[in-house]
Structures are given as C-alpha cells and as structure tokens.
Amino acid sequence: MAQSVRTLLDTVVQALPEVSNLGLLFFLLFFIFAALGVELFGRVGAYYAYCLLQWTRHAVAHRVKITLLLIGYMYLYSVIYEESFVTL
C-alpha cells in the first residue's frame, strides 16, 4: 500500500507543471473576457447604478411623505375623537 501511495504522489508531482500551464491559460482567457466585458458593458452598469440610485431616492422620499401623511391622519383622528394612540 505504501508503494501505491508513493507512486500516486510521484505522479501528482510530475503533473504539476502541466497543471500550472493550464491554470495560467485559464487565467489569461478569464482576464481577456473580463476586459472585453468591461469594455463592452462598462457604461451599462454605470447607467443602471445611476437609475437605481434615483429610484431609491424617489422611493425614500415617497415613503417619508406617506409616513408624514399617516402621522398627520393619526393626529387628526386623535384630536377629533379625543383618543390617544400613545398610552403610557
């Protein structure tokens, strides 16, 4: 059994240079396609981020308006019907 493990480890050590070449090739391909993607679609992401930011600002402003309206209606209800929503 020790001989078979030794043979297996020797095979792995001998295959390491080829594996590193393959890893380098995959890294190079990944880098090329990443650069190509950034070149082709870089502005699309920036525009999407800008639209998302504008939508978020609009949504927050809308929620603040709705919250203030709700608080105003609760206050009017408590004044008209003489009930308090906050009890201590």
C-alpha atoms as a PDB file:
ATOM      1  CA  MET A   1       0.000   0.000   0.000  1.00  0.00           C
ATOM      2  CA  ALA A   2       2.825   2.414   0.790  1.00  0.00           C
ATOM      3  CA  GLN A   3       4.282   1.794  -2.658  1.00  0.00           C
ATOM      4  CA  SER A   4       0.979   2.711  -4.380  1.00  0.00           C
ATOM      5  CA  VAL A   5       0.679   5.942  -2.359  1.00  0.00           C
ATOM      6  CA  ARG A   6       4.272   6.804  -3.256  1.00  0.00           C
ATOM      7  CA  THR A   7       3.530   6.171  -6.941  1.00  0.00           C
ATOM      8  CA  LEU A   8       0.428   8.330  -6.753  1.00  0.00           C
ATOM      9  CA  LEU A   9       2.337  11.220  -5.132  1.00  0.00           C
ATOM     10  CA  ASP A  10       5.109  10.964  -7.721  1.00  0.00           C
ATOM     11  CA  THR A  11       2.524  11.156 -10.496  1.00  0.00           C
ATOM     12  CA  VAL A  12       0.928  14.245  -8.942  1.00  0.00           C
ATOM     13  CA  VAL A  13       4.311  15.955  -8.550  1.00  0.00           C
ATOM     14  CA  GLN A  14       5.192  15.206 -12.193  1.00  0.00           C
ATOM     15  CA  ALA A  15       1.828  16.603 -13.371  1.00  0.00           C
ATOM     16  CA  LEU A  16       2.148  19.926 -11.503  1.00  0.00           C
ATOM     17  CA  PRO A  17       3.951  21.841 -14.301  1.00  0.00           C
ATOM     18  CA  GLU A  18       1.224  20.921 -16.801  1.00  0.00           C
ATOM     19  CA  VAL A  19      -1.480  21.882 -14.315  1.00  0.00           C
ATOM     20  CA  SER A  20       0.171  25.263 -13.745  1.00  0.00           C
ATOM     21  CA  ASN A  21       0.302  25.843 -17.508  1.00  0.00           C
ATOM     22  CA  LEU A  22      -3.379  25.003 -17.754  1.00  0.00           C
ATOM     23  CA  GLY A  23      -4.176  27.317 -14.831  1.00  0.00           C
ATOM     24  CA  LEU A  24      -2.223  30.120 -16.477  1.00  0.00           C
ATOM     25  CA  LEU A  25      -4.119  29.570 -19.731  1.00  0.00           C
ATOM     26  CA  PHE A  26      -7.485  29.714 -17.943  1.00  0.00           C
ATOM     27  CA  PHE A  27      -6.415  32.867 -16.076  1.00  0.00           C
ATOM     28  CA  LEU A  28      -5.381  34.506 -19.346  1.00  0.00           C
ATOM     29  CA  LEU A  29      -8.692  33.625 -21.009  1.00  0.00           C
ATOM     30  CA  PHE A  30     -10.636  34.854 -17.990  1.00  0.00           C
ATOM     31  CA  PHE A  31      -8.681  38.131 -17.997  1.00  0.00           C
ATOM     32  CA  ILE A  32      -9.265  38.673 -21.730  1.00  0.00           C
ATOM     33  CA  PHE A  33     -13.020  38.082 -21.448  1.00  0.00           C
ATOM     34  CA  ALA A  34     -13.215  40.267 -18.316  1.00  0.00           C
ATOM     35  CA  ALA A  35     -11.508  43.140 -20.124  1.00  0.00           C
ATOM     36  CA  LEU A  36     -13.774  42.642 -23.132  1.00  0.00           C
ATOM     37  CA  GLY A  37     -16.862  42.643 -20.892  1.00  0.00           C
ATOM     38  CA  VAL A  38     -15.797  45.822 -19.137  1.00  0.00           C
ATOM     39  CA  GLU A  39     -15.118  47.482 -22.482  1.00  0.00           C
ATOM     40  CA  LEU A  40     -18.468  46.459 -23.960  1.00  0.00           C
ATOM     41  CA  PHE A  41     -20.766  46.737 -20.948  1.00  0.00           C
ATOM     42  CA  GLY A  42     -18.998  49.161 -18.589  1.00  0.00           C
ATOM     43  CA  ARG A  43     -21.349  52.077 -19.209  1.00  0.00           C
ATOM     44  CA  VAL A  44     -24.445  49.910 -18.988  1.00  0.00           C
ATOM     45  CA  GLY A  45     -23.677  49.124 -15.356  1.00  0.00           C
ATOM     46  CA  ALA A  46     -22.996  52.772 -14.556  1.00  0.00           C
ATOM     47  CA  TYR A  47     -26.314  53.818 -16.086  1.00  0.00           C
ATOM     48  CA  TYR A  48     -28.112  51.054 -14.187  1.00  0.00           C
ATOM     49  CA  ALA A  49     -26.481  52.159 -10.926  1.00  0.00           C
ATOM     50  CA  TYR A  50     -27.497  55.772 -11.622  1.00  0.00           C
ATOM     51  CA  CYS A  51     -31.119  54.726 -12.294  1.00  0.00           C
ATOM     52  CA  LEU A  52     -31.150  52.576  -9.172  1.00  0.00           C
ATOM     53  CA  LEU A  53     -29.852  55.486  -7.107  1.00  0.00           C
ATOM     54  CA  GLN A  54     -32.504  57.818  -8.493  1.00  0.00           C
ATOM     55  CA  TRP A  55     -35.224  55.229  -7.868  1.00  0.00           C
ATOM     56  CA  THR A  56     -34.013  54.725  -4.304  1.00  0.00           C
ATOM     57  CA  ARG A  57     -34.080  58.462  -3.625  1.00  0.00           C
ATOM     58  CA  HIS A  58     -37.586  58.669  -5.063  1.00  0.00           C
ATOM     59  CA  ALA A  59     -38.752  55.665  -3.027  1.00  0.00           C
ATOM     60  CA  VAL A  60     -37.344  57.080   0.209  1.00  0.00           C
ATOM     61  CA  ALA A  61     -38.929  60.481  -0.432  1.00  0.00           C
ATOM     62  CA  HIS A  62     -42.238  58.800  -1.214  1.00  0.00           C
ATOM     63  CA  ARG A  63     -42.097  56.722   1.977  1.00  0.00           C
ATOM     64  CA  VAL A  64     -41.330  59.833   4.038  1.00  0.00           C
ATOM     65  CA  LYS A  65     -44.341  61.596   2.517  1.00  0.00           C
ATOM     66  CA  ILE A  66     -46.615  58.633   3.203  1.00  0.00           C
ATOM     67  CA  THR A  67     -45.317  58.362   6.775  1.00  0.00           C
ATOM     68  CA  LEU A  68     -45.898  62.044   7.443  1.00  0.00           C
ATOM     69  CA  LEU A  69     -49.409  61.794   5.995  1.00  0.00           C
ATOM     70  CA  LEU A  70     -50.151  58.795   8.191  1.00  0.00           C
ATOM     71  CA  ILE A  71     -48.881  60.572  11.295  1.00  0.00           C
ATOM     72  CA  GLY A  72     -50.994  63.617  10.372  1.00  0.00           C
ATOM     73  CA  TYR A  73     -54.113  61.474   9.934  1.00  0.00           C
ATOM     74  CA  MET A  74     -53.476  59.753  13.262  1.00  0.00           C
ATOM     75  CA  TYR A  75     -53.099  63.136  14.940  1.00  0.00           C
ATOM     76  CA  LEU A  76     -56.328  64.438  13.364  1.00  0.00           C
ATOM     77  CA  TYR A  77     -58.149  61.266  14.402  1.00  0.00           C
ATOM     78  CA  SER A  78     -56.913  61.645  17.978  1.00  0.00           C
ATOM     79  CA  VAL A  79     -57.996  65.306  18.038  1.00  0.00           C
ATOM     80  CA  ILE A  80     -61.419  64.656  16.508  1.00  0.00           C
ATOM     81  CA  TYR A  81     -62.327  61.562  18.532  1.00  0.00           C
ATOM     82  CA  GLU A  82     -60.334  62.553  21.621  1.00  0.00           C
ATOM     83  CA  GLU A  83     -58.431  59.265  21.686  1.00  0.00           C
ATOM     84  CA  SER A  84     -54.756  58.844  22.202  1.00  0.00           C
ATOM     85  CA  PHE A  85     -52.731  56.323  20.252  1.00  0.00           C
ATOM     86  CA  VAL A  86     -49.878  56.552  22.733  1.00  0.00           C
ATOM     87  CA  THR A  87     -50.678  55.389  26.234  1.00  0.00           C
ATOM     88  CA  LEU A  88     -48.043  55.496  28.914  1.00  0.00           C
END
